[in-house]
Protein backbone atom coordinates (compact mmCIF):
# COMPACT_ATOMS: atom_id res chain seq x y z
CA MET A 1 26.88 48.03 -22.15
CA ALA A 2 28.90 44.84 -22.36
CA GLU A 3 27.08 41.84 -23.81
CA ILE A 4 26.67 38.94 -21.40
CA ARG A 5 27.43 35.61 -22.97
CA TYR A 6 26.67 32.24 -21.50
CA SER A 7 28.76 29.27 -22.56
CA PRO A 8 26.95 26.11 -23.65
CA GLY A 9 28.70 24.27 -20.82
CA LEU A 10 27.33 26.66 -18.20
CA ILE A 11 23.80 26.39 -19.60
CA ILE A 12 23.93 22.59 -19.62
CA SER A 13 25.33 22.52 -16.08
CA SER A 14 22.59 24.86 -14.86
CA VAL A 15 19.88 22.72 -16.45
CA LEU A 16 21.34 19.56 -14.91
CA LEU A 17 21.54 21.18 -11.48
CA PHE A 18 17.92 22.26 -11.82
CA PHE A 19 16.85 18.70 -12.63
CA VAL A 20 18.88 17.29 -9.76
CA PHE A 21 17.39 19.84 -7.36
CA LEU A 22 13.81 19.08 -8.43
CA SER A 23 14.33 15.33 -8.23
CA LEU A 24 15.97 15.67 -4.80
CA MET A 25 13.01 17.66 -3.51
CA GLY A 26 10.61 15.08 -4.91
CA PHE A 27 12.62 12.23 -3.40
CA LEU A 28 12.78 13.81 0.06
CA ALA A 29 9.08 14.69 0.00
CA SER A 30 8.18 11.11 -0.92
CA ILE A 31 10.19 9.40 1.83
CA ARG A 32 9.28 11.88 4.58
CA PRO A 33 5.67 12.91 3.97
CA PRO A 34 3.87 14.86 6.71
CA LYS A 35 2.30 12.55 9.27
CA ILE A 36 -1.49 12.28 9.21
CA LEU A 37 -2.91 11.41 12.62
CA SER A 38 -6.60 10.53 12.56
CA SER A 39 -8.47 11.27 15.77
CA ILE A 40 -11.03 8.48 15.32
CA THR A 41 -10.71 5.17 17.20
CA PRO A 42 -12.77 1.97 17.06
CA GLY A 43 -14.34 3.05 20.35
CA ASP A 44 -15.86 6.06 18.60
CA LEU A 45 -17.73 3.58 16.39
CA GLY A 46 -18.91 1.52 19.33
CA LEU A 47 -16.36 -1.25 18.78
CA ALA A 48 -14.37 -2.97 21.50
CA TYR A 49 -10.66 -2.92 20.68
CA GLU A 50 -7.16 -3.34 22.01
CA ASP A 51 -4.22 -1.01 21.43
CA ILE A 52 -1.38 -3.22 20.21
CA SER A 53 2.21 -2.91 19.03
CA PHE A 54 4.72 -5.25 17.45
CA THR A 55 8.26 -4.99 16.12
CA THR A 56 9.59 -5.50 12.60
CA LYS A 57 12.73 -7.48 11.86
CA ASP A 58 14.60 -4.22 11.32
CA GLY A 59 13.64 -3.03 14.80
CA LEU A 60 10.74 -0.62 14.25
CA ARG A 61 7.80 -0.61 16.65
CA LEU A 62 4.51 -0.38 14.79
CA ARG A 63 1.28 0.55 16.51
CA GLY A 64 -2.19 -0.64 15.74
CA TRP A 65 -5.57 -1.93 16.90
CA PHE A 66 -6.98 -5.41 17.27
CA ILE A 67 -10.77 -5.44 17.01
CA PRO A 68 -12.35 -8.74 18.07
CA SER A 69 -15.34 -9.71 15.97
CA MET A 70 -18.93 -9.65 17.12
CA ALA A 71 -19.13 -13.20 15.74
CA GLU A 72 -17.91 -16.21 17.72
CA TYR A 73 -14.89 -18.14 16.38
CA ALA A 74 -14.31 -15.50 13.71
CA GLU A 75 -11.57 -15.53 11.11
CA THR A 76 -9.18 -12.57 10.88
CA VAL A 77 -8.56 -9.86 8.28
CA ILE A 78 -5.66 -7.39 8.24
CA LEU A 79 -6.54 -3.94 6.91
CA LEU A 80 -3.77 -1.88 5.27
CA HIS A 81 -4.06 1.86 4.77
CA GLY A 82 -2.79 3.98 1.90
CA TYR A 83 0.05 6.52 1.57
CA PRO A 84 0.56 8.82 3.42
CA ALA A 85 -2.48 8.17 5.62
CA ASP A 86 -2.89 6.08 8.78
CA LYS A 87 -5.04 3.26 10.11
CA GLY A 88 -7.80 5.64 11.25
CA ASN A 89 -8.26 6.81 7.67
CA ILE A 90 -9.71 3.48 6.56
CA LEU A 91 -11.48 2.49 9.78
CA PRO A 92 -14.94 4.05 9.13
CA VAL A 93 -15.21 2.42 5.71
CA LEU A 94 -14.12 -1.06 6.84
CA ALA A 95 -15.68 -1.24 10.31
CA PHE A 96 -18.60 -3.27 8.89
CA LEU A 97 -16.23 -6.24 8.53
CA SER A 98 -16.09 -6.59 12.33
CA ARG A 99 -19.55 -8.15 12.21
CA GLU A 100 -17.95 -11.30 10.81
CA TYR A 101 -14.17 -10.97 11.22
CA ASN A 102 -11.55 -10.04 13.76
CA LEU A 103 -9.73 -7.00 12.39
CA LEU A 104 -6.14 -5.89 12.75
CA LEU A 105 -5.16 -2.40 11.62
CA PHE A 106 -1.73 -0.82 12.03
CA ASP A 107 0.24 2.19 10.84
CA PHE A 108 3.00 1.52 8.32
CA ARG A 109 6.52 2.60 9.24
CA HIS A 110 6.98 6.37 9.62
CA LEU A 111 3.27 6.91 9.16
CA GLY A 112 0.62 7.46 11.82
CA LYS A 113 1.92 6.55 15.28
CA SER A 114 4.48 3.99 14.14
CA GLU A 115 8.24 4.40 14.37
CA GLY A 116 10.50 4.94 11.40
CA LYS A 117 12.42 7.88 9.99
CA ILE A 118 11.25 7.32 6.43
CA SER A 119 8.54 5.73 4.33
CA THR A 120 9.66 3.59 1.41
CA ALA A 121 6.17 3.52 -0.16
CA GLY A 122 6.17 -0.28 -0.34
CA ALA A 123 9.79 -1.35 -0.69
CA LYS A 124 10.24 -2.21 3.00
CA GLU A 125 6.63 -2.09 4.15
CA THR A 126 6.33 -5.77 3.30
CA GLU A 127 8.33 -6.30 6.51
CA ASP A 128 5.57 -4.42 8.36
CA LEU A 129 2.91 -6.82 7.12
CA LEU A 130 5.07 -9.83 7.94
CA ALA A 131 5.50 -8.47 11.47
CA ALA A 132 1.71 -8.14 11.81
CA ILE A 133 1.29 -11.76 10.73
CA ARG A 134 3.88 -12.89 13.28
CA PHE A 135 1.99 -10.96 15.97
CA LEU A 136 -1.27 -12.71 15.08
CA LYS A 137 0.44 -16.10 15.19
CA THR A 138 1.33 -15.46 18.85
CA ARG A 139 -2.43 -15.34 19.40
CA GLY A 140 -3.08 -18.60 17.63
CA ILE A 141 -4.19 -17.06 14.33
CA GLU A 142 -2.55 -18.97 11.48
CA GLY A 143 -4.43 -17.83 8.38
CA VAL A 144 -5.57 -14.33 7.41
CA GLY A 145 -7.23 -12.34 4.72
CA VAL A 146 -5.72 -9.00 3.72
CA TRP A 147 -7.51 -5.92 2.44
CA GLY A 148 -5.28 -3.12 1.24
CA PHE A 149 -5.86 0.28 -0.30
CA SER A 150 -3.36 1.93 -2.65
CA LEU A 151 0.02 1.42 -0.91
CA GLY A 152 -1.67 -1.21 1.28
CA GLY A 153 -2.88 -3.13 -1.75
CA ALA A 154 0.60 -3.11 -3.26
CA VAL A 155 2.14 -4.35 -0.01
CA ALA A 156 -0.40 -7.18 0.21
CA LEU A 157 0.47 -8.42 -3.28
CA MET A 158 4.22 -8.14 -2.71
CA THR A 159 4.07 -10.02 0.60
CA ALA A 160 1.86 -12.95 -0.37
CA LYS A 161 4.62 -15.20 -1.77
CA GLN A 162 6.58 -14.82 1.46
CA ALA A 163 3.58 -15.44 3.70
CA PRO A 164 1.54 -18.62 3.18
CA GLU A 165 -0.61 -17.37 6.05
CA ILE A 166 -2.22 -14.95 3.57
CA ARG A 167 -5.16 -16.86 2.09
CA VAL A 168 -7.21 -14.11 0.40
CA ILE A 169 -6.35 -10.58 -0.84
CA ILE A 170 -8.52 -7.64 -1.80
CA SER A 171 -6.27 -5.02 -3.40
CA GLU A 172 -7.85 -1.66 -4.14
CA SER A 173 -6.21 1.00 -6.32
CA SER A 174 -2.75 -0.57 -6.08
CA TYR A 175 0.20 0.52 -8.15
CA ALA A 176 1.83 -2.14 -10.32
CA ARG A 177 5.40 -0.81 -10.58
CA MET A 178 7.17 1.70 -8.40
CA ASP A 179 9.36 2.96 -11.23
CA LEU A 180 6.22 3.99 -13.11
CA MET A 181 4.80 5.65 -9.99
CA ALA A 182 7.93 7.81 -9.70
CA ARG A 183 6.66 9.72 -12.73
CA GLU A 184 3.48 10.59 -10.86
CA LEU A 185 5.55 12.67 -8.42
CA TYR A 186 6.07 15.32 -11.08
CA ARG A 187 3.34 15.15 -13.73
CA ILE A 188 5.24 17.54 -15.97
CA PRO A 189 4.97 16.51 -19.62
CA LEU A 190 8.28 15.12 -20.95
CA LEU A 191 10.23 16.40 -17.94
CA LYS A 192 8.71 13.75 -15.67
CA TYR A 193 10.81 11.05 -17.35
CA PRO A 194 14.28 12.41 -16.52
CA LEU A 195 13.04 13.52 -13.10
CA ALA A 196 11.71 10.03 -12.36
CA TYR A 197 15.00 8.52 -13.49
CA LEU A 198 16.95 10.80 -11.15
CA THR A 199 14.58 10.00 -8.30
CA GLY A 200 15.21 6.31 -8.88
CA LEU A 201 18.94 6.98 -8.87
CA LEU A 202 18.67 8.78 -5.52
CA ALA A 203 16.69 5.87 -4.07
CA LYS A 204 19.44 3.51 -5.21
CA ILE A 205 22.25 5.67 -3.80
CA PHE A 206 20.72 6.62 -0.44
CA LEU A 207 18.38 3.71 0.33
CA GLY A 208 19.83 0.85 -1.66
CA ILE A 209 16.42 0.39 -3.32
CA ASP A 210 16.05 -0.26 -7.03
CA LEU A 211 12.58 1.03 -7.92
CA ARG A 212 12.33 -1.56 -10.68
CA ASP A 213 12.40 -4.29 -8.03
CA VAL A 214 9.40 -2.83 -6.19
CA SER A 215 6.77 -4.44 -8.37
CA PRO A 216 3.42 -5.84 -7.20
CA ALA A 217 2.87 -6.93 -10.80
CA GLU A 218 5.96 -9.12 -10.76
CA SER A 219 5.08 -10.44 -7.30
CA ALA A 220 1.54 -11.30 -8.41
CA LYS A 221 2.77 -13.70 -11.07
CA GLY A 222 2.37 -17.25 -9.86
CA LEU A 223 -0.06 -16.44 -7.05
CA ASP A 224 -3.08 -18.75 -7.05
CA ILE A 225 -4.91 -17.57 -3.94
CA PRO A 226 -8.20 -15.68 -4.33
CA ILE A 227 -7.41 -12.07 -5.25
CA LEU A 228 -9.93 -9.33 -5.96
CA LEU A 229 -8.42 -6.40 -7.83
CA VAL A 230 -10.41 -3.16 -7.56
CA HIS A 231 -9.63 -0.03 -9.57
CA SER A 232 -11.30 2.82 -11.44
CA LYS A 233 -10.54 4.00 -14.94
CA ASN A 234 -10.93 7.56 -13.64
CA ASP A 235 -8.28 7.21 -10.91
CA ARG A 236 -5.98 10.26 -11.16
CA VAL A 237 -3.64 9.22 -8.33
CA ILE A 238 -2.72 5.74 -9.53
CA PRO A 239 -3.55 5.59 -13.24
CA PHE A 240 -5.61 2.70 -14.57
CA GLU A 241 -2.61 1.44 -16.56
CA HIS A 242 -1.40 -0.06 -13.29
CA ALA A 243 -4.59 -2.11 -12.98
CA VAL A 244 -4.06 -3.37 -16.54
CA LEU A 245 -0.53 -4.48 -15.68
CA LEU A 246 -1.76 -6.26 -12.55
CA GLN A 247 -4.57 -7.93 -14.47
CA GLU A 248 -2.03 -9.24 -16.97
CA ALA A 249 0.17 -10.50 -14.12
CA LEU A 250 -2.80 -12.39 -12.66
CA LYS A 251 -4.02 -13.87 -15.94
CA ASN A 252 -3.01 -17.41 -14.94
CA ASN A 253 -4.62 -17.21 -11.52
CA PRO A 254 -8.00 -18.98 -11.76
CA ASN A 255 -9.05 -17.40 -8.46
CA ALA A 256 -8.43 -13.79 -9.48
CA GLU A 257 -11.36 -11.45 -10.03
CA PHE A 258 -11.48 -7.88 -11.28
CA TRP A 259 -13.84 -5.09 -10.31
CA PHE A 260 -13.21 -2.09 -12.55
CA GLU A 261 -15.32 1.04 -12.34
CA ASP A 262 -15.49 3.81 -14.94
CA ASN A 263 -15.95 7.12 -13.15
CA LEU A 264 -14.81 6.83 -9.53
CA ALA A 265 -11.98 8.87 -8.04
CA HIS A 266 -9.14 7.37 -6.00
CA GLY A 267 -10.72 5.89 -2.88
CA GLN A 268 -14.36 6.23 -3.94
CA LEU A 269 -16.49 3.15 -3.41
CA GLY A 270 -18.50 1.24 -5.98
CA GLY A 271 -22.12 0.18 -5.62
CA GLU A 272 -22.97 -2.57 -3.12
CA TYR A 273 -19.45 -2.24 -1.75
CA GLN A 274 -20.00 -3.96 1.58
CA LYS A 275 -21.89 -6.85 -0.01
CA ARG A 276 -19.19 -7.53 -2.60
CA ILE A 277 -16.32 -7.34 -0.12
CA LEU A 278 -18.02 -9.67 2.34
CA GLU A 279 -18.90 -12.13 -0.41
CA PHE A 280 -15.35 -12.28 -1.67
CA PHE A 281 -13.82 -12.84 1.75
CA SER A 282 -16.43 -15.49 2.54
CA ARG A 283 -15.31 -17.57 -0.44
CA GLY A 284 -11.79 -17.96 0.97
CA SER A 285 -10.82 -20.23 3.83
CA LEU A 286 -8.80 -17.92 6.06
CA GLY A 287 -8.18 -20.34 8.88
CA LYS A 288 -10.02 -19.90 12.13
CA ARG A 289 -8.46 -18.75 15.34
CA ASN A 290 -7.30 -21.62 17.56
CA GLN A 291 -9.49 -21.94 20.64
């Protein structure tokens, strides 16, 4: 039987093709995740609400809810969901805020019921938040607080410098740098580094996005508004190293606070959650709705 020999060049080419294939699959899965459509609405929780929509500068129609507060002359908070969830995913946890604040929730591009062929996991979602702020301004609401979870927390931090209307931020379980998060797509020891590099290269080629530029940590530098950073050391989705980077970025912000838990999973709530969230928002002057 003839011996089969493989040339070094063929072996190297095969390995490279394998890496490119894996990174391409990871890239496509990250920009087009399956849509999650929650069935819950504010009405199911006994809350009056309005179905709303508004358009981003790049022409996408985003859909959401406006929940007027039970309190008279209430300030307004925008609630931002995580990836790849939708606005209904965070509603049950945050509905308590409607006792004191008007609430606006919406689905990020591509996710939930909003338009968009792809998700950029934060790179262009800042335009979504800016569109929400413009919508509120048409209703006489000039200043807002923003609560964001995971992707939502990252978007809040990256948008604040562009939006003086944002007066207070609570950012829960946010990533600090997108290029570091690319490694979390694979979680294969050693191999995750070249795969993450190739994923970043694909994002640059096909989307014109440099993952190194998508950095809540960099955006947080110089912010002086009240910011509460929430994270757990046991978070397996967005590792705690991201919270450390964000804490370092906020070191010169005298209004930044940090709530770090030891043993909670991604999205689990700490003790006295409602009390601490309400207290933090109450310390900021969000700007009341014009009457």
